[in-house]
N, C-alpha and C. Protein backbone atom coordinates (compact mmCIF):
# COMPACT_ATOMS: atom_id res chain seq x y z
N UNK A 1 -19.56 1.58 -4.55
CA UNK A 1 -18.27 2.43 -4.58
C UNK A 1 -19.01 3.86 -4.70
N UNK A 2 -18.36 4.86 -3.61
CA UNK A 2 -18.69 6.27 -3.97
C UNK A 2 -17.28 6.60 -5.13
N UNK A 3 -17.62 7.53 -6.23
CA UNK A 3 -16.23 8.01 -6.76
C UNK A 3 -16.22 9.64 -6.48
N UNK A 4 -15.31 9.91 -6.34
CA UNK A 4 -14.57 10.93 -6.24
C UNK A 4 -13.72 11.69 -7.38
N UNK A 5 -14.05 12.72 -7.68
CA UNK A 5 -12.95 13.38 -8.68
C UNK A 5 -12.12 14.04 -7.76
N UNK A 6 -10.91 14.62 -8.42
CA UNK A 6 -9.81 15.13 -7.62
C UNK A 6 -10.31 16.44 -6.76
N UNK A 7 -11.19 17.09 -7.48
CA UNK A 7 -11.43 18.60 -7.28
C UNK A 7 -12.63 18.03 -5.94
N UNK A 8 -13.51 17.55 -5.89
CA UNK A 8 -14.26 17.07 -4.76
C UNK A 8 -13.49 16.46 -3.69
N UNK A 9 -12.49 15.55 -3.92
CA UNK A 9 -11.72 14.86 -2.53
C UNK A 9 -11.09 16.40 -1.97
N UNK A 10 -10.50 17.16 -3.00
CA UNK A 10 -9.52 18.09 -2.43
C UNK A 10 -10.47 19.25 -1.49
N UNK A 11 -11.70 19.51 -2.15
CA UNK A 11 -12.48 20.30 -1.50
C UNK A 11 -13.11 20.05 -0.11
N UNK A 12 -13.37 18.24 0.35
CA UNK A 12 -13.68 17.80 1.37
C UNK A 12 -12.61 17.76 2.22
N UNK A 13 -11.26 18.06 1.57
CA UNK A 13 -10.15 17.54 2.67
C UNK A 13 -9.48 18.69 2.85
N UNK A 14 -9.52 19.77 2.01
CA UNK A 14 -8.75 21.13 2.43
C UNK A 14 -8.85 21.99 3.63
N UNK A 15 -7.95 21.96 4.60
CA UNK A 15 -7.94 22.41 5.88
C UNK A 15 -9.18 21.92 6.62
N UNK A 16 -9.51 20.62 6.59
CA UNK A 16 -10.56 20.21 7.05
C UNK A 16 -9.85 18.68 7.67
N UNK A 17 -10.04 18.02 8.77
CA UNK A 17 -9.87 16.94 9.12
C UNK A 17 -10.73 15.80 8.76
N UNK A 18 -10.49 14.58 8.12
CA UNK A 18 -11.81 13.90 7.72
C UNK A 18 -10.98 12.48 7.90
N UNK A 19 -11.77 11.57 7.53
CA UNK A 19 -11.29 10.08 7.68
C UNK A 19 -11.34 9.56 6.12
N UNK A 20 -10.34 9.37 5.37
CA UNK A 20 -10.58 8.66 4.28
C UNK A 20 -10.44 7.03 3.98
N UNK A 21 -11.27 6.62 3.55
CA UNK A 21 -11.46 5.04 3.46
C UNK A 21 -11.11 4.84 1.92
N UNK A 22 -10.43 3.91 1.78
CA UNK A 22 -9.66 3.51 0.58
C UNK A 22 -9.24 2.41 0.29
N UNK A 23 -9.48 1.62 -1.05
CA UNK A 23 -9.05 0.34 -1.33
C UNK A 23 -7.32 0.12 -1.39
N UNK A 24 -6.92 -0.68 -1.08
CA UNK A 24 -5.38 -1.06 -1.40
C UNK A 24 -5.49 -1.09 -2.85
N UNK A 25 -4.00 -0.63 -3.59
CA UNK A 25 -3.48 -1.12 -4.74
C UNK A 25 -3.39 -2.21 -4.95
N UNK A 26 -2.91 -2.89 -4.22
CA UNK A 26 -2.22 -4.19 -4.16
C UNK A 26 -2.41 -5.44 -3.30
N UNK A 27 -3.82 -5.19 -2.75
CA UNK A 27 -4.53 -6.17 -2.31
C UNK A 27 -6.25 -5.73 -1.96
N UNK A 28 -6.84 -6.63 -1.48
CA UNK A 28 -8.16 -6.55 -1.11
C UNK A 28 -8.58 -5.82 0.17
N UNK A 29 -7.18 -5.38 0.68
CA UNK A 29 -7.57 -4.56 1.97
C UNK A 29 -8.34 -3.32 1.97
N UNK A 30 -8.88 -2.80 2.70
CA UNK A 30 -9.42 -1.70 3.28
C UNK A 30 -8.60 -0.73 4.00
N UNK A 31 -8.03 0.61 3.73
CA UNK A 31 -7.45 1.33 4.75
C UNK A 31 -8.22 2.71 5.08
N UNK A 32 -7.92 2.86 6.18
CA UNK A 32 -8.57 4.24 7.01
C UNK A 32 -7.54 5.28 6.95
N UNK A 33 -7.59 6.33 6.84
CA UNK A 33 -6.53 7.40 7.40
C UNK A 33 -6.83 8.77 8.00
N UNK A 34 -6.92 9.20 8.93
CA UNK A 34 -7.24 10.29 9.49
C UNK A 34 -6.38 11.41 8.90
N UNK A 35 -6.63 12.48 8.43
CA UNK A 35 -5.93 13.24 7.32
C UNK A 35 -6.57 14.41 7.05
N UNK A 36 -5.54 15.63 6.39
CA UNK A 36 -5.97 16.82 5.99
C UNK A 36 -5.32 16.79 4.87
N UNK A 37 -5.70 17.78 4.04
CA UNK A 37 -5.12 18.82 2.63
C UNK A 37 -4.95 20.22 3.69
N UNK A 38 -3.46 20.16 4.14
CA UNK A 38 -3.23 21.54 4.91
C UNK A 38 -2.97 22.87 4.26
N UNK A 39 -2.60 22.37 3.16
CA UNK A 39 -2.48 23.74 2.16
C UNK A 39 -3.05 23.27 0.48
N UNK A 40 -3.16 24.63 -0.09
CA UNK A 40 -3.47 24.27 -1.51
C UNK A 40 -2.45 24.30 -2.42
N UNK A 41 -2.05 23.02 -2.75
CA UNK A 41 -1.01 22.97 -3.39
C UNK A 41 -0.70 22.18 -4.74
N UNK A 42 -1.97 21.71 -4.82
CA UNK A 42 -1.99 20.36 -6.20
C UNK A 42 -3.26 21.21 -6.86
N UNK A 43 -3.04 20.96 -8.13
CA UNK A 43 -4.01 21.50 -8.79
C UNK A 43 -5.01 20.48 -9.48
N UNK A 44 -4.31 19.13 -9.80
CA UNK A 44 -5.31 17.87 -10.26
C UNK A 44 -4.40 16.77 -10.62
N UNK A 45 -4.68 15.88 -10.34
CA UNK A 45 -4.14 14.39 -10.46
C UNK A 45 -4.57 13.49 -10.31
N UNK A 46 -4.22 12.18 -10.38
CA UNK A 46 -4.90 11.06 -10.22
C UNK A 46 -4.78 10.45 -8.65
N UNK A 47 -3.83 11.32 -8.19
CA UNK A 47 -3.56 10.90 -6.64
C UNK A 47 -3.44 12.17 -5.93
N UNK A 48 -3.86 12.12 -4.35
CA UNK A 48 -4.29 13.39 -4.02
C UNK A 48 -3.07 13.10 -2.44
N UNK A 49 -2.39 14.30 -2.46
CA UNK A 49 -1.50 14.08 -1.14
C UNK A 49 -1.73 14.41 -0.09
N UNK A 50 -2.10 14.17 0.90
CA UNK A 50 -2.66 14.13 2.34
C UNK A 50 -1.66 14.00 3.51
N UNK A 51 -1.99 14.85 4.27
CA UNK A 51 -1.03 14.94 5.60
C UNK A 51 -2.01 13.79 6.68
N UNK A 52 -1.20 12.79 6.90
CA UNK A 52 -1.44 11.65 7.48
C UNK A 52 -1.63 12.30 9.09
N UNK A 53 -2.50 12.38 10.07
CA UNK A 53 -2.39 13.40 11.24
C UNK A 53 -2.10 12.17 12.30
N UNK A 54 -2.49 10.92 12.31
CA UNK A 54 -2.12 9.92 12.92
C UNK A 54 -0.52 9.56 13.02
N UNK A 55 -0.21 9.39 11.82
CA UNK A 55 1.24 9.13 11.73
C UNK A 55 2.45 10.00 11.58
N UNK A 56 1.69 11.26 11.33
CA UNK A 56 2.64 12.40 11.26
C UNK A 56 3.64 12.54 10.12
N UNK A 57 2.85 11.93 8.76
CA UNK A 57 3.83 11.87 7.54
C UNK A 57 2.64 12.25 6.31
N UNK A 58 3.20 12.15 5.27
CA UNK A 58 2.64 12.44 3.88
C UNK A 58 2.19 11.00 3.52
N UNK A 59 0.81 11.06 3.02
CA UNK A 59 0.05 9.77 1.96
C UNK A 59 -0.34 10.29 0.71
N UNK A 60 -0.07 9.58 -0.39
CA UNK A 60 -0.63 9.75 -1.31
C UNK A 60 -1.38 8.59 -1.82
N UNK A 61 -2.79 9.29 -2.05
CA UNK A 61 -3.76 8.09 -2.41
C UNK A 61 -4.43 8.67 -3.40
N UNK A 62 -4.51 7.32 -4.33
CA UNK A 62 -5.06 7.37 -5.60
C UNK A 62 -6.39 7.34 -5.51
N UNK A 63 -7.01 8.60 -6.54
CA UNK A 63 -8.45 9.02 -6.46
C UNK A 63 -9.50 7.91 -6.75
N UNK A 64 -9.21 7.03 -7.55
CA UNK A 64 -10.14 6.21 -7.98
C UNK A 64 -10.24 5.07 -7.02
N UNK A 65 -9.26 5.04 -6.06
CA UNK A 65 -9.49 4.22 -4.87
C UNK A 65 -10.25 4.48 -3.61
N UNK A 66 -10.79 5.64 -3.56
CA UNK A 66 -11.57 6.23 -2.39
C UNK A 66 -12.71 5.82 -2.65
N UNK A 67 -13.19 5.30 -1.32
CA UNK A 67 -14.68 4.39 -1.11
C UNK A 67 -15.43 5.71 -0.58
N UNK A 68 -14.81 6.39 0.67
CA UNK A 68 -15.52 7.17 1.44
C UNK A 68 -14.88 8.36 2.29
N UNK A 69 -15.24 9.67 2.38
CA UNK A 69 -14.65 10.47 2.84
C UNK A 69 -15.47 11.20 3.95
N UNK A 70 -15.13 10.87 5.28
CA UNK A 70 -16.14 11.28 6.39
C UNK A 70 -15.27 12.35 7.45
N UNK A 71 -16.64 12.80 8.29
CA UNK A 71 -16.10 13.62 9.28
C UNK A 71 -15.07 13.13 10.23
N UNK A 72 -14.57 13.78 10.85
CA UNK A 72 -13.76 13.66 11.98
C UNK A 72 -14.05 12.23 12.84
N UNK A 73 -13.35 11.51 13.29
CA UNK A 73 -13.68 10.29 14.06
C UNK A 73 -14.62 10.61 15.23
């Protein structure tokens, strides 16, 4: 599993559309979300708040659960 720091995840997502693949905190399920960080409002955390482009809503993703951050679909 790739490990990302908050700073790395934010750098990859800030004003860029990407697919984040992450492990559920409550099950073995793997989730994918097509998202962006559309403005720089977080300075650091164990979670990153992203805009879910597909569902038109905010999601918070635990940094430690991120498996990959890849280019647009």
